């Protein structure tokens, strides 16, 4: 699983970044906002997106040891969405050994040491 995340997460980060840049060059969100905000599904999609971001922020605040890192990820998640999500997963995947159990990636280091099965 870790190997897959090390490959897929950076790929998603790069492709999403390219898509956002391409779209930004074609369309100005601030100019389009009034027409987009009038669409109920657009508003619902935006709420759905930020609920997802809120859950990711909770995970990052749990995982990260310093307040500076927590605030940095909060800003990145809110401002860049899926780009920061993919980047965060990639960073986490590279922080653990390639043969690590998924729990080591998901849990903060203290909880992993506390709950990990004995070696």
N, C-alpha and C. Protein backbone atom coordinates (compact mmCIF):
# COMPACT_ATOMS: atom_id res chain seq x y z
N UNK A 1 0.82 -1.20 0.00
CA UNK A 1 0.00 0.00 0.00
C UNK A 1 0.87 1.26 0.00
N UNK A 2 1.94 1.26 0.79
CA UNK A 2 2.81 2.43 0.87
C UNK A 2 3.43 2.73 -0.49
N UNK A 3 3.87 1.69 -1.18
CA UNK A 3 4.46 1.88 -2.51
C UNK A 3 3.45 2.52 -3.45
N UNK A 4 2.22 2.02 -3.43
CA UNK A 4 1.17 2.58 -4.29
C UNK A 4 0.94 4.05 -3.97
N UNK A 5 0.87 4.39 -2.70
CA UNK A 5 0.66 5.78 -2.30
C UNK A 5 1.83 6.66 -2.71
N UNK A 6 3.04 6.11 -2.66
CA UNK A 6 4.22 6.88 -3.08
C UNK A 6 4.20 7.18 -4.58
N UNK A 7 3.52 6.36 -5.34
CA UNK A 7 3.43 6.58 -6.79
C UNK A 7 2.20 7.41 -7.13
N UNK A 8 1.05 7.01 -6.61
CA UNK A 8 -0.22 7.62 -7.01
C UNK A 8 -0.38 9.04 -6.45
N UNK A 9 -0.06 9.26 -5.19
CA UNK A 9 -0.28 10.59 -4.60
C UNK A 9 0.50 11.69 -5.31
N UNK A 10 1.80 11.53 -5.59
CA UNK A 10 2.48 12.59 -6.35
C UNK A 10 1.92 12.77 -7.76
N UNK A 11 1.52 11.68 -8.38
CA UNK A 11 0.93 11.77 -9.72
C UNK A 11 -0.36 12.59 -9.68
N UNK A 12 -1.20 12.34 -8.69
CA UNK A 12 -2.43 13.12 -8.53
C UNK A 12 -2.12 14.59 -8.25
N UNK A 13 -1.11 14.83 -7.43
CA UNK A 13 -0.71 16.20 -7.11
C UNK A 13 -0.29 16.95 -8.37
N UNK A 14 0.54 16.33 -9.19
CA UNK A 14 1.04 16.97 -10.41
C UNK A 14 -0.09 17.19 -11.41
N UNK A 15 -0.94 16.17 -11.62
CA UNK A 15 -2.01 16.32 -12.61
C UNK A 15 -3.04 17.35 -12.17
N UNK A 16 -3.36 17.39 -10.87
CA UNK A 16 -4.32 18.38 -10.39
C UNK A 16 -3.74 19.78 -10.49
N UNK A 17 -2.47 19.93 -10.19
CA UNK A 17 -1.81 21.23 -10.33
C UNK A 17 -1.87 21.70 -11.78
N UNK A 18 -1.57 20.80 -12.71
CA UNK A 18 -1.62 21.15 -14.13
C UNK A 18 -3.04 21.54 -14.55
N UNK A 19 -4.03 20.81 -14.07
CA UNK A 19 -5.42 21.11 -14.40
C UNK A 19 -5.84 22.48 -13.86
N UNK A 20 -5.44 22.78 -12.63
CA UNK A 20 -5.78 24.08 -12.04
C UNK A 20 -5.10 25.22 -12.81
N UNK A 21 -3.85 25.03 -13.18
CA UNK A 21 -3.15 26.06 -13.95
C UNK A 21 -3.81 26.26 -15.31
N UNK A 22 -4.12 25.15 -15.98
CA UNK A 22 -4.77 25.24 -17.30
C UNK A 22 -6.12 25.96 -17.19
N UNK A 23 -6.91 25.59 -16.20
CA UNK A 23 -8.22 26.21 -16.01
C UNK A 23 -8.08 27.69 -15.66
N UNK A 24 -7.11 28.01 -14.82
CA UNK A 24 -6.89 29.41 -14.43
C UNK A 24 -6.51 30.28 -15.62
N UNK A 25 -5.79 29.70 -16.56
CA UNK A 25 -5.41 30.45 -17.76
C UNK A 25 -6.58 30.67 -18.71
N UNK A 26 -7.60 29.81 -18.60
CA UNK A 26 -8.76 29.90 -19.49
C UNK A 26 -9.92 30.68 -18.89
N UNK A 27 -9.99 30.71 -17.56
CA UNK A 27 -11.18 31.28 -16.92
C UNK A 27 -10.81 31.89 -15.57
N UNK A 28 -11.40 33.05 -15.27
CA UNK A 28 -11.19 33.72 -14.00
C UNK A 28 -12.35 33.38 -13.07
N UNK A 29 -12.06 32.64 -12.01
CA UNK A 29 -13.10 32.22 -11.08
C UNK A 29 -13.84 33.40 -10.48
N UNK A 30 -13.14 34.48 -10.18
CA UNK A 30 -13.79 35.65 -9.58
C UNK A 30 -14.80 36.28 -10.54
N UNK A 31 -14.53 36.24 -11.82
CA UNK A 31 -15.48 36.78 -12.81
C UNK A 31 -16.66 35.84 -13.01
N UNK A 32 -16.45 34.55 -12.84
CA UNK A 32 -17.49 33.54 -13.07
C UNK A 32 -18.33 33.26 -11.82
N UNK A 33 -17.89 33.78 -10.67
CA UNK A 33 -18.48 33.35 -9.41
C UNK A 33 -19.99 33.55 -9.33
N UNK A 34 -20.51 34.70 -9.75
CA UNK A 34 -21.95 34.95 -9.61
C UNK A 34 -22.77 33.91 -10.36
N UNK A 35 -22.38 33.57 -11.56
CA UNK A 35 -23.14 32.57 -12.32
C UNK A 35 -22.97 31.18 -11.71
N UNK A 36 -21.78 30.87 -11.23
CA UNK A 36 -21.56 29.56 -10.61
C UNK A 36 -22.31 29.43 -9.29
N UNK A 37 -22.29 30.47 -8.48
CA UNK A 37 -22.96 30.43 -7.18
C UNK A 37 -24.47 30.30 -7.31
N UNK A 38 -25.00 30.64 -8.46
CA UNK A 38 -26.45 30.52 -8.68
C UNK A 38 -26.88 29.07 -8.93
N UNK A 39 -25.93 28.18 -9.18
CA UNK A 39 -26.24 26.78 -9.47
C UNK A 39 -26.25 26.00 -8.15
N UNK A 40 -27.41 25.41 -7.77
CA UNK A 40 -27.48 24.69 -6.50
C UNK A 40 -26.42 23.58 -6.36
N UNK A 41 -26.18 22.84 -7.43
CA UNK A 41 -25.19 21.77 -7.35
C UNK A 41 -23.78 22.32 -7.14
N UNK A 42 -23.50 23.48 -7.64
CA UNK A 42 -22.19 24.09 -7.41
C UNK A 42 -22.02 24.44 -5.93
N UNK A 43 -23.05 25.02 -5.34
CA UNK A 43 -22.99 25.35 -3.91
C UNK A 43 -22.84 24.09 -3.07
N UNK A 44 -23.60 23.05 -3.42
CA UNK A 44 -23.52 21.79 -2.68
C UNK A 44 -22.14 21.15 -2.83
N UNK A 45 -21.60 21.19 -4.03
CA UNK A 45 -20.26 20.64 -4.26
C UNK A 45 -19.22 21.38 -3.45
N UNK A 46 -19.35 22.68 -3.35
CA UNK A 46 -18.41 23.47 -2.57
C UNK A 46 -18.50 23.14 -1.08
N UNK A 47 -19.71 22.98 -0.56
CA UNK A 47 -19.88 22.59 0.85
C UNK A 47 -19.28 21.20 1.06
N UNK A 48 -19.55 20.28 0.15
CA UNK A 48 -18.99 18.93 0.23
C UNK A 48 -17.47 18.98 0.27
N UNK A 49 -16.89 19.80 -0.59
CA UNK A 49 -15.43 19.96 -0.65
C UNK A 49 -14.88 20.43 0.69
N UNK A 50 -15.48 21.45 1.27
CA UNK A 50 -14.95 21.99 2.52
C UNK A 50 -15.21 21.07 3.71
N UNK A 51 -16.26 20.27 3.68
CA UNK A 51 -16.43 19.25 4.73
C UNK A 51 -15.29 18.24 4.64
N UNK A 52 -14.96 17.83 3.43
CA UNK A 52 -13.84 16.92 3.22
C UNK A 52 -12.54 17.54 3.73
N UNK A 53 -12.32 18.80 3.40
CA UNK A 53 -11.12 19.51 3.85
C UNK A 53 -11.08 19.57 5.38
N UNK A 54 -12.22 19.78 6.01
CA UNK A 54 -12.27 19.83 7.47
C UNK A 54 -11.78 18.51 8.08
N UNK A 55 -12.20 17.39 7.51
CA UNK A 55 -11.74 16.09 8.01
C UNK A 55 -10.23 15.93 7.82
N UNK A 56 -9.72 16.39 6.69
CA UNK A 56 -8.28 16.32 6.45
C UNK A 56 -7.51 17.20 7.43
N UNK A 57 -8.07 18.35 7.75
CA UNK A 57 -7.43 19.24 8.72
C UNK A 57 -7.37 18.56 10.09
N UNK A 58 -8.45 17.88 10.48
CA UNK A 58 -8.43 17.14 11.75
C UNK A 58 -7.32 16.10 11.75
N UNK A 59 -7.18 15.36 10.64
CA UNK A 59 -6.13 14.34 10.55
C UNK A 59 -4.74 14.98 10.64
N UNK A 60 -4.53 16.05 9.91
CA UNK A 60 -3.23 16.73 9.92
C UNK A 60 -2.92 17.28 11.32
N UNK A 61 -3.91 17.86 11.98
CA UNK A 61 -3.68 18.38 13.33
C UNK A 61 -3.34 17.25 14.30
N UNK A 62 -3.93 16.08 14.08
CA UNK A 62 -3.62 14.90 14.90
C UNK A 62 -2.21 14.38 14.60
N UNK A 63 -1.86 14.31 13.31
CA UNK A 63 -0.57 13.73 12.90
C UNK A 63 0.62 14.64 13.16
N UNK A 64 0.48 15.91 12.88
CA UNK A 64 1.62 16.82 12.93
C UNK A 64 1.98 17.18 14.36
N UNK A 65 3.27 17.29 14.61
CA UNK A 65 3.77 17.53 15.96
C UNK A 65 3.86 19.02 16.32
N UNK A 66 4.06 19.88 15.34
CA UNK A 66 4.25 21.31 15.64
C UNK A 66 3.06 22.13 15.15
N UNK A 67 2.84 23.26 15.83
CA UNK A 67 1.76 24.15 15.42
C UNK A 67 2.05 24.79 14.08
N UNK A 68 3.31 25.06 13.81
CA UNK A 68 3.67 25.66 12.52
C UNK A 68 3.28 24.73 11.37
N UNK A 69 3.57 23.46 11.53
CA UNK A 69 3.21 22.48 10.50
C UNK A 69 1.69 22.35 10.38
N UNK A 70 1.00 22.34 11.49
CA UNK A 70 -0.46 22.25 11.47
C UNK A 70 -1.08 23.43 10.72
N UNK A 71 -0.61 24.62 11.03
CA UNK A 71 -1.15 25.82 10.37
C UNK A 71 -0.81 25.83 8.89
N UNK A 72 0.41 25.43 8.55
CA UNK A 72 0.81 25.36 7.15
C UNK A 72 -0.13 24.43 6.37
N UNK A 73 -0.38 23.23 6.90
CA UNK A 73 -1.26 22.30 6.19
C UNK A 73 -2.70 22.81 6.14
N UNK A 74 -3.16 23.45 7.20
CA UNK A 74 -4.50 24.04 7.18
C UNK A 74 -4.63 25.01 6.01
N UNK A 75 -3.67 25.92 5.89
CA UNK A 75 -3.71 26.91 4.80
C UNK A 75 -3.65 26.22 3.44
N UNK A 76 -2.75 25.25 3.30
CA UNK A 76 -2.63 24.54 2.02
C UNK A 76 -3.91 23.79 1.67
N UNK A 77 -4.51 23.10 2.64
CA UNK A 77 -5.75 22.37 2.36
C UNK A 77 -6.86 23.31 1.92
N UNK A 78 -7.04 24.40 2.65
CA UNK A 78 -8.13 25.34 2.34
C UNK A 78 -7.90 26.02 1.00
N UNK A 79 -6.66 26.37 0.71
CA UNK A 79 -6.37 27.13 -0.51
C UNK A 79 -6.19 26.27 -1.76
N UNK A 80 -5.70 25.05 -1.60
CA UNK A 80 -5.41 24.25 -2.80
C UNK A 80 -6.14 22.92 -2.87
N UNK A 81 -6.87 22.55 -1.84
CA UNK A 81 -7.72 21.37 -1.89
C UNK A 81 -7.00 20.07 -2.22
N UNK A 82 -7.39 19.46 -3.34
CA UNK A 82 -6.87 18.15 -3.72
C UNK A 82 -5.37 18.16 -3.96
N UNK A 83 -4.83 19.29 -4.36
CA UNK A 83 -3.37 19.38 -4.56
C UNK A 83 -2.67 19.15 -3.22
N UNK A 84 -3.10 19.85 -2.19
CA UNK A 84 -2.50 19.69 -0.86
C UNK A 84 -2.81 18.32 -0.28
N UNK A 85 -3.99 17.79 -0.53
CA UNK A 85 -4.34 16.46 -0.04
C UNK A 85 -3.39 15.42 -0.60
N UNK A 86 -3.18 15.45 -1.91
CA UNK A 86 -2.27 14.50 -2.54
C UNK A 86 -0.84 14.69 -2.03
N UNK A 87 -0.44 15.94 -1.87
CA UNK A 87 0.89 16.23 -1.35
C UNK A 87 1.05 15.70 0.07
N UNK A 88 0.04 15.91 0.91
CA UNK A 88 0.10 15.45 2.30
C UNK A 88 0.21 13.92 2.35
N UNK A 89 -0.59 13.23 1.55
CA UNK A 89 -0.52 11.76 1.52
C UNK A 89 0.85 11.31 1.04
N UNK A 90 1.40 11.97 0.03
CA UNK A 90 2.73 11.62 -0.47
C UNK A 90 3.78 11.82 0.63
N UNK A 91 3.72 12.95 1.31
CA UNK A 91 4.68 13.22 2.40
C UNK A 91 4.58 12.14 3.46
N UNK A 92 3.36 11.79 3.84
CA UNK A 92 3.17 10.75 4.86
C UNK A 92 3.71 9.41 4.38
N UNK A 93 3.50 9.09 3.11
CA UNK A 93 3.97 7.82 2.56
C UNK A 93 5.49 7.74 2.53
N UNK A 94 6.15 8.87 2.36
CA UNK A 94 7.62 8.88 2.35
C UNK A 94 8.21 9.00 3.75
N UNK A 95 7.41 9.30 4.74
CA UNK A 95 7.90 9.39 6.12
C UNK A 95 8.04 8.01 6.77
N UNK A 96 7.37 7.03 6.23
CA UNK A 96 7.39 5.69 6.82
C UNK A 96 8.18 4.74 5.92
N UNK A 97 8.68 3.64 6.48
CA UNK A 97 9.37 2.66 5.64
C UNK A 97 8.42 2.08 4.59
N UNK A 98 8.98 1.64 3.49
CA UNK A 98 8.17 1.14 2.38
C UNK A 98 7.34 -0.08 2.78
N UNK A 99 7.81 -0.85 3.75
CA UNK A 99 7.08 -2.05 4.19
C UNK A 99 6.27 -1.80 5.46
N UNK A 100 6.08 -0.54 5.81
CA UNK A 100 5.33 -0.20 7.03
C UNK A 100 3.86 -0.57 6.88
N UNK A 101 3.23 -0.93 7.99
CA UNK A 101 1.78 -1.14 7.95
C UNK A 101 1.08 0.21 7.75
N UNK A 102 -0.09 0.16 7.19
CA UNK A 102 -0.86 1.38 6.93
C UNK A 102 -1.12 2.18 8.21
N UNK A 103 -1.25 1.47 9.32
CA UNK A 103 -1.48 2.15 10.61
C UNK A 103 -0.36 3.12 10.94
N UNK A 104 0.86 2.80 10.54
CA UNK A 104 1.99 3.70 10.82
C UNK A 104 1.86 5.00 10.04
N UNK A 105 1.28 4.92 8.85
CA UNK A 105 1.05 6.12 8.05
C UNK A 105 -0.11 6.94 8.63
N UNK A 106 -1.15 6.27 9.09
CA UNK A 106 -2.36 6.96 9.54
C UNK A 106 -2.25 7.55 10.94
N UNK A 107 -1.55 6.88 11.83
CA UNK A 107 -1.49 7.31 13.22
C UNK A 107 -0.33 8.26 13.47
N UNK A 108 -0.46 9.09 14.50
CA UNK A 108 0.69 9.91 14.88
C UNK A 108 1.72 9.00 15.54
N UNK A 109 2.98 9.40 15.58
CA UNK A 109 4.04 8.51 16.07
C UNK A 109 3.81 7.98 17.48
N UNK A 110 3.31 8.81 18.38
CA UNK A 110 3.07 8.36 19.76
C UNK A 110 2.02 7.27 19.82
N UNK A 111 0.90 7.47 19.13
CA UNK A 111 -0.16 6.46 19.13
C UNK A 111 0.30 5.19 18.43
N UNK A 112 1.07 5.33 17.36
CA UNK A 112 1.53 4.12 16.67
C UNK A 112 2.41 3.29 17.60
N UNK A 113 3.33 3.93 18.31
CA UNK A 113 4.19 3.19 19.25
C UNK A 113 3.36 2.54 20.36
N UNK A 114 2.31 3.22 20.79
CA UNK A 114 1.47 2.70 21.86
C UNK A 114 0.62 1.52 21.41
N UNK A 115 0.11 1.56 20.18
CA UNK A 115 -0.84 0.55 19.72
C UNK A 115 -0.24 -0.49 18.77
N UNK A 116 0.98 -0.29 18.33
CA UNK A 116 1.58 -1.23 17.37
C UNK A 116 1.80 -2.58 18.03
N UNK A 117 1.59 -3.64 17.27
CA UNK A 117 1.86 -4.96 17.83
C UNK A 117 3.37 -5.11 18.10
N UNK A 118 3.72 -5.87 19.13
CA UNK A 118 5.15 -6.04 19.42
C UNK A 118 5.87 -6.72 18.26
N UNK A 119 7.10 -6.32 18.04
CA UNK A 119 7.88 -6.88 16.92
C UNK A 119 8.42 -8.25 17.24
